[in-house]
Amino acid sequence: MRQDDPFWDEAEDSDHATRRRRLKSLRPRRKLSQILEEIAADTSRTRVCIADIIQAMHGRAFGALLLIFAFPNAIPAIPGTSSILGLPLLFLSAQMMLGKPVWLPKVVSLRSMSRDDFANLVERVNPWLEWADRFTAPRLSVLGDPIAERLIGAFCLILSIVLVLPVPLGNMLPGIAICLIALGVLERDGFWIGGGIAVGAIALLVAWGVVYALAKMTWFLLVNAF
């Protein structure tokens, strides 16, 4: 109803708005694999960039982008890849920690590929996403609260720093941990977030052990060399 209508009832209008929000919340959340398929099938596009994914994901862009940039680090890759792909993770996790909206430099957000290449990439990635989707569900919602999300962002920032540093064996475990956390954030699944935190804690211990061993070996060599 319009507010200038003499029969307009503010309470009734508020009830309608409340019901609409409830109905919206009851709608099934689209999976990342579905959104990627829709983008790939959109024939009106000639190219696809990161900004298109951000727009399509709306309020869930953090989870999607963390997963996109962390996944290549979770598998064996060319040395030095983590230093390049880890930089967007630093941006994203810092913004998540500060409660800021998603922002990436234009040089990153406007990087694009042809729609055909994107469709081929989606065809290879989606089976893994669909497999993971079967095991995700909204659980342990306390980990999805704004304060918890900021703490999760801080933890991802620490993992991203470790991932970017040239630490031997220091990129795969943090990459896996961020992927698990990202899936949990995407689907509001605290179980996956908790699993990612556990793997991340192991990754930090491994990285610290490697750094400690290298420092001790360097000190030993210096002492015995002189």
Protein backbone atom coordinates (compact mmCIF):
# COMPACT_ATOMS: atom_id res chain seq x y z
CA MET A 1 0.00 0.00 0.00
CA ARG A 2 1.05 3.62 -0.55
CA GLN A 3 1.75 5.84 2.43
CA ASP A 4 -0.45 8.65 0.98
CA ASP A 5 -3.43 6.28 0.77
CA PRO A 6 -5.99 7.11 3.49
CA PHE A 7 -6.41 3.38 4.12
CA TRP A 8 -2.67 2.74 4.38
CA ASP A 9 -1.75 0.83 7.51
CA GLU A 10 1.91 1.07 8.55
CA ALA A 11 1.70 -2.03 10.77
CA GLU A 12 0.15 -4.09 7.97
CA ASP A 13 2.82 -2.91 5.52
CA SER A 14 5.50 -3.86 8.05
CA ASP A 15 3.93 -7.33 8.38
CA HIS A 16 4.07 -7.75 4.60
CA ALA A 17 7.75 -6.78 4.57
CA THR A 18 8.47 -9.24 7.39
CA ARG A 19 6.72 -12.05 5.54
CA ARG A 20 8.69 -11.27 2.37
CA ARG A 21 11.97 -11.45 4.28
CA ARG A 22 10.94 -14.77 5.82
CA LEU A 23 9.98 -16.22 2.44
CA LYS A 24 13.27 -15.03 0.99
CA SER A 25 15.19 -16.70 3.80
CA LEU A 26 13.33 -19.96 3.16
CA ARG A 27 14.36 -20.07 -0.50
CA PRO A 28 17.14 -22.56 -1.18
CA ARG A 29 20.55 -20.92 -1.41
CA ARG A 30 22.13 -21.31 -4.80
CA LYS A 31 25.35 -23.25 -4.73
CA LEU A 32 28.57 -21.78 -6.10
CA SER A 33 28.62 -24.48 -8.79
CA GLN A 34 25.16 -23.36 -9.98
CA ILE A 35 26.18 -19.69 -10.11
CA LEU A 36 29.35 -20.50 -12.06
CA GLU A 37 27.33 -22.60 -14.52
CA GLU A 38 24.88 -19.73 -15.05
CA ILE A 39 27.71 -17.30 -15.76
CA ALA A 40 29.35 -19.76 -18.16
CA ALA A 41 26.04 -20.34 -19.98
CA ASP A 42 25.28 -16.62 -20.40
CA THR A 43 25.70 -16.13 -24.16
CA SER A 44 25.39 -12.35 -23.78
CA ARG A 45 28.93 -12.35 -22.36
CA THR A 46 32.03 -12.60 -24.47
CA ARG A 47 34.41 -12.51 -21.51
CA VAL A 48 34.16 -13.22 -17.78
CA CYS A 49 36.10 -11.38 -15.06
CA ILE A 50 36.38 -11.57 -11.27
CA ALA A 51 34.05 -8.56 -10.96
CA ASP A 52 31.28 -10.60 -12.64
CA ILE A 53 31.60 -13.30 -9.97
CA ILE A 54 31.56 -10.69 -7.19
CA GLN A 55 28.35 -9.23 -8.59
CA ALA A 56 26.71 -12.64 -8.99
CA MET A 57 27.58 -13.77 -5.46
CA HIS A 58 26.22 -10.62 -3.75
CA GLY A 59 26.84 -10.98 0.01
CA ARG A 60 28.65 -14.32 -0.35
CA ALA A 61 31.54 -13.02 -2.45
CA PHE A 62 34.11 -13.45 0.35
CA GLY A 63 33.66 -17.21 0.47
CA ALA A 64 33.66 -17.59 -3.31
CA LEU A 65 36.78 -15.48 -3.89
CA LEU A 66 38.72 -17.01 -1.01
CA LEU A 67 38.00 -20.42 -2.54
CA ILE A 68 38.95 -19.30 -6.07
CA PHE A 69 42.32 -17.87 -5.04
CA ALA A 70 43.15 -20.50 -2.41
CA PHE A 71 42.37 -23.59 -4.49
CA PRO A 72 45.43 -23.35 -6.82
CA ASN A 73 47.60 -23.15 -3.69
CA ALA A 74 46.02 -26.31 -2.25
CA ILE A 75 47.39 -28.46 -5.08
CA PRO A 76 50.95 -28.97 -6.38
CA ALA A 77 51.82 -25.98 -8.56
CA ILE A 78 54.72 -24.15 -10.16
CA PRO A 79 57.01 -22.62 -7.50
CA GLY A 80 56.22 -18.94 -6.98
CA THR A 81 52.51 -19.33 -7.75
CA SER A 82 51.59 -18.86 -4.10
CA SER A 83 53.31 -15.47 -3.99
CA ILE A 84 51.12 -14.25 -6.88
CA LEU A 85 47.78 -15.83 -5.98
CA GLY A 86 48.33 -15.17 -2.28
CA LEU A 87 48.19 -11.38 -2.67
CA PRO A 88 44.41 -11.26 -3.37
CA LEU A 89 43.95 -13.52 -0.34
CA LEU A 90 45.70 -10.88 1.78
CA PHE A 91 43.31 -8.20 0.49
CA LEU A 92 40.21 -10.33 0.98
CA SER A 93 41.01 -11.70 4.43
CA ALA A 94 42.00 -8.25 5.71
CA GLN A 95 38.69 -6.80 4.50
CA MET A 96 36.79 -9.69 6.04
CA MET A 97 38.59 -9.10 9.34
CA LEU A 98 37.69 -5.39 9.27
CA GLY A 99 34.07 -6.03 8.26
CA LYS A 100 34.50 -4.16 4.98
CA PRO A 101 32.74 -4.98 1.69
CA VAL A 102 34.62 -6.93 -0.94
CA TRP A 103 37.11 -4.85 -2.92
CA LEU A 104 39.95 -5.84 -5.19
CA PRO A 105 42.25 -3.62 -7.27
CA LYS A 106 41.04 -3.18 -10.84
CA VAL A 107 44.12 -4.96 -12.13
CA VAL A 108 42.74 -8.07 -10.36
CA SER A 109 38.96 -7.61 -10.52
CA LEU A 110 38.95 -6.76 -14.25
CA ARG A 111 41.26 -9.58 -15.31
CA SER A 112 39.15 -11.66 -17.66
CA MET A 113 39.09 -14.74 -19.85
CA SER A 114 36.90 -15.69 -22.77
CA ARG A 115 33.54 -17.20 -21.87
CA ASP A 116 34.51 -20.46 -23.65
CA ASP A 117 37.68 -20.78 -21.56
CA PHE A 118 35.69 -19.98 -18.42
CA ALA A 119 33.10 -22.62 -19.35
CA ASN A 120 35.88 -25.21 -19.78
CA LEU A 121 37.32 -24.25 -16.40
CA VAL A 122 33.90 -24.53 -14.74
CA GLU A 123 33.41 -27.95 -16.34
CA ARG A 124 36.62 -29.17 -14.68
CA VAL A 125 36.07 -27.52 -11.28
CA ASN A 126 32.35 -28.06 -10.74
CA PRO A 127 32.50 -31.84 -10.14
CA TRP A 128 34.70 -31.12 -7.10
CA LEU A 129 32.36 -28.35 -5.91
CA GLU A 130 29.29 -30.56 -6.38
CA TRP A 131 31.01 -33.34 -4.42
CA ALA A 132 31.73 -30.92 -1.55
CA ASP A 133 28.19 -29.50 -1.74
CA ARG A 134 26.75 -32.89 -0.78
CA PHE A 135 28.41 -32.60 2.61
CA THR A 136 27.61 -28.96 3.40
CA ALA A 137 24.57 -27.62 5.24
CA PRO A 138 23.84 -24.65 7.53
CA ARG A 139 25.28 -25.80 10.88
CA LEU A 140 26.89 -24.23 13.96
CA SER A 141 25.49 -20.84 12.95
CA VAL A 142 27.42 -19.14 15.77
CA LEU A 143 30.48 -19.22 13.49
CA GLY A 144 28.55 -17.16 10.95
CA ASP A 145 27.96 -14.22 13.30
CA PRO A 146 29.60 -10.90 12.30
CA ILE A 147 32.09 -11.00 15.19
CA ALA A 148 32.99 -14.62 14.42
CA GLU A 149 33.42 -13.76 10.73
CA ARG A 150 35.90 -11.03 11.66
CA LEU A 151 37.90 -13.48 13.75
CA ILE A 152 37.80 -15.97 10.88
CA GLY A 153 39.04 -13.21 8.58
CA ALA A 154 41.95 -12.53 10.97
CA PHE A 155 42.85 -16.23 10.99
CA CYS A 156 42.71 -16.35 7.17
CA LEU A 157 44.96 -13.29 7.06
CA ILE A 158 47.58 -15.11 9.15
CA LEU A 159 47.31 -18.16 6.88
CA SER A 160 47.62 -15.92 3.80
CA ILE A 161 50.79 -14.32 5.16
CA VAL A 162 52.30 -17.78 5.72
CA LEU A 163 51.16 -18.82 2.24
CA VAL A 164 52.84 -15.83 0.58
CA LEU A 165 56.15 -16.23 2.43
CA PRO A 166 58.78 -18.43 0.73
CA VAL A 167 58.55 -21.12 3.39
CA PRO A 168 59.27 -24.67 2.14
CA LEU A 169 56.08 -26.78 2.31
CA GLY A 170 54.35 -23.65 3.59
CA ASN A 171 51.69 -23.08 0.95
CA MET A 172 49.66 -26.27 0.48
CA LEU A 173 48.32 -26.73 4.02
CA PRO A 174 47.31 -23.04 4.41
CA GLY A 175 45.70 -23.26 0.96
CA ILE A 176 43.69 -26.33 1.98
CA ALA A 177 42.69 -24.67 5.25
CA ILE A 178 41.44 -21.52 3.50
CA CYS A 179 39.51 -23.66 0.98
CA LEU A 180 37.70 -25.48 3.80
CA ILE A 181 36.94 -22.21 5.60
CA ALA A 182 35.74 -20.63 2.34
CA LEU A 183 33.32 -23.51 1.71
CA GLY A 184 32.01 -23.12 5.25
CA VAL A 185 31.54 -19.36 4.82
CA LEU A 186 29.78 -19.92 1.49
CA GLU A 187 27.26 -22.37 2.90
CA ARG A 188 27.20 -21.03 6.48
CA ASP A 189 28.49 -24.39 7.62
CA GLY A 190 30.36 -24.05 10.89
CA PHE A 191 31.49 -27.66 10.68
CA TRP A 192 33.61 -26.94 7.59
CA ILE A 193 34.84 -23.69 9.11
CA GLY A 194 35.93 -25.60 12.22
CA GLY A 195 37.69 -28.19 10.06
CA GLY A 196 39.49 -25.42 8.18
CA ILE A 197 40.60 -23.83 11.45
CA ALA A 198 41.96 -27.19 12.65
CA VAL A 199 43.92 -27.72 9.40
CA GLY A 200 45.08 -24.10 9.59
CA ALA A 201 46.42 -24.62 13.12
CA ILE A 202 48.39 -27.65 11.89
CA ALA A 203 49.66 -25.57 8.95
CA LEU A 204 50.94 -22.88 11.30
CA LEU A 205 52.69 -25.47 13.47
CA VAL A 206 54.33 -27.04 10.40
CA ALA A 207 55.42 -23.63 9.08
CA TRP A 208 56.84 -22.68 12.49
CA GLY A 209 58.69 -26.01 12.68
CA VAL A 210 60.21 -25.49 9.22
CA VAL A 211 61.27 -21.93 10.03
CA TYR A 212 62.73 -23.03 13.38
CA ALA A 213 64.65 -25.89 11.76
CA LEU A 214 66.04 -23.60 9.04
CA ALA A 215 67.06 -20.98 11.60
CA LYS A 216 68.76 -23.59 13.78
CA MET A 217 70.57 -25.10 10.79
CA THR A 218 71.72 -21.64 9.64
CA TRP A 219 73.01 -20.82 13.12
CA PHE A 220 74.85 -24.15 13.29
CA LEU A 221 76.52 -23.50 9.94
CA LEU A 222 77.55 -19.97 10.93
CA VAL A 223 79.00 -21.08 14.27
CA ASN A 224 80.98 -23.96 12.72
CA ALA A 225 82.12 -21.93 9.72
CA PHE A 226 83.99 -19.41 11.88
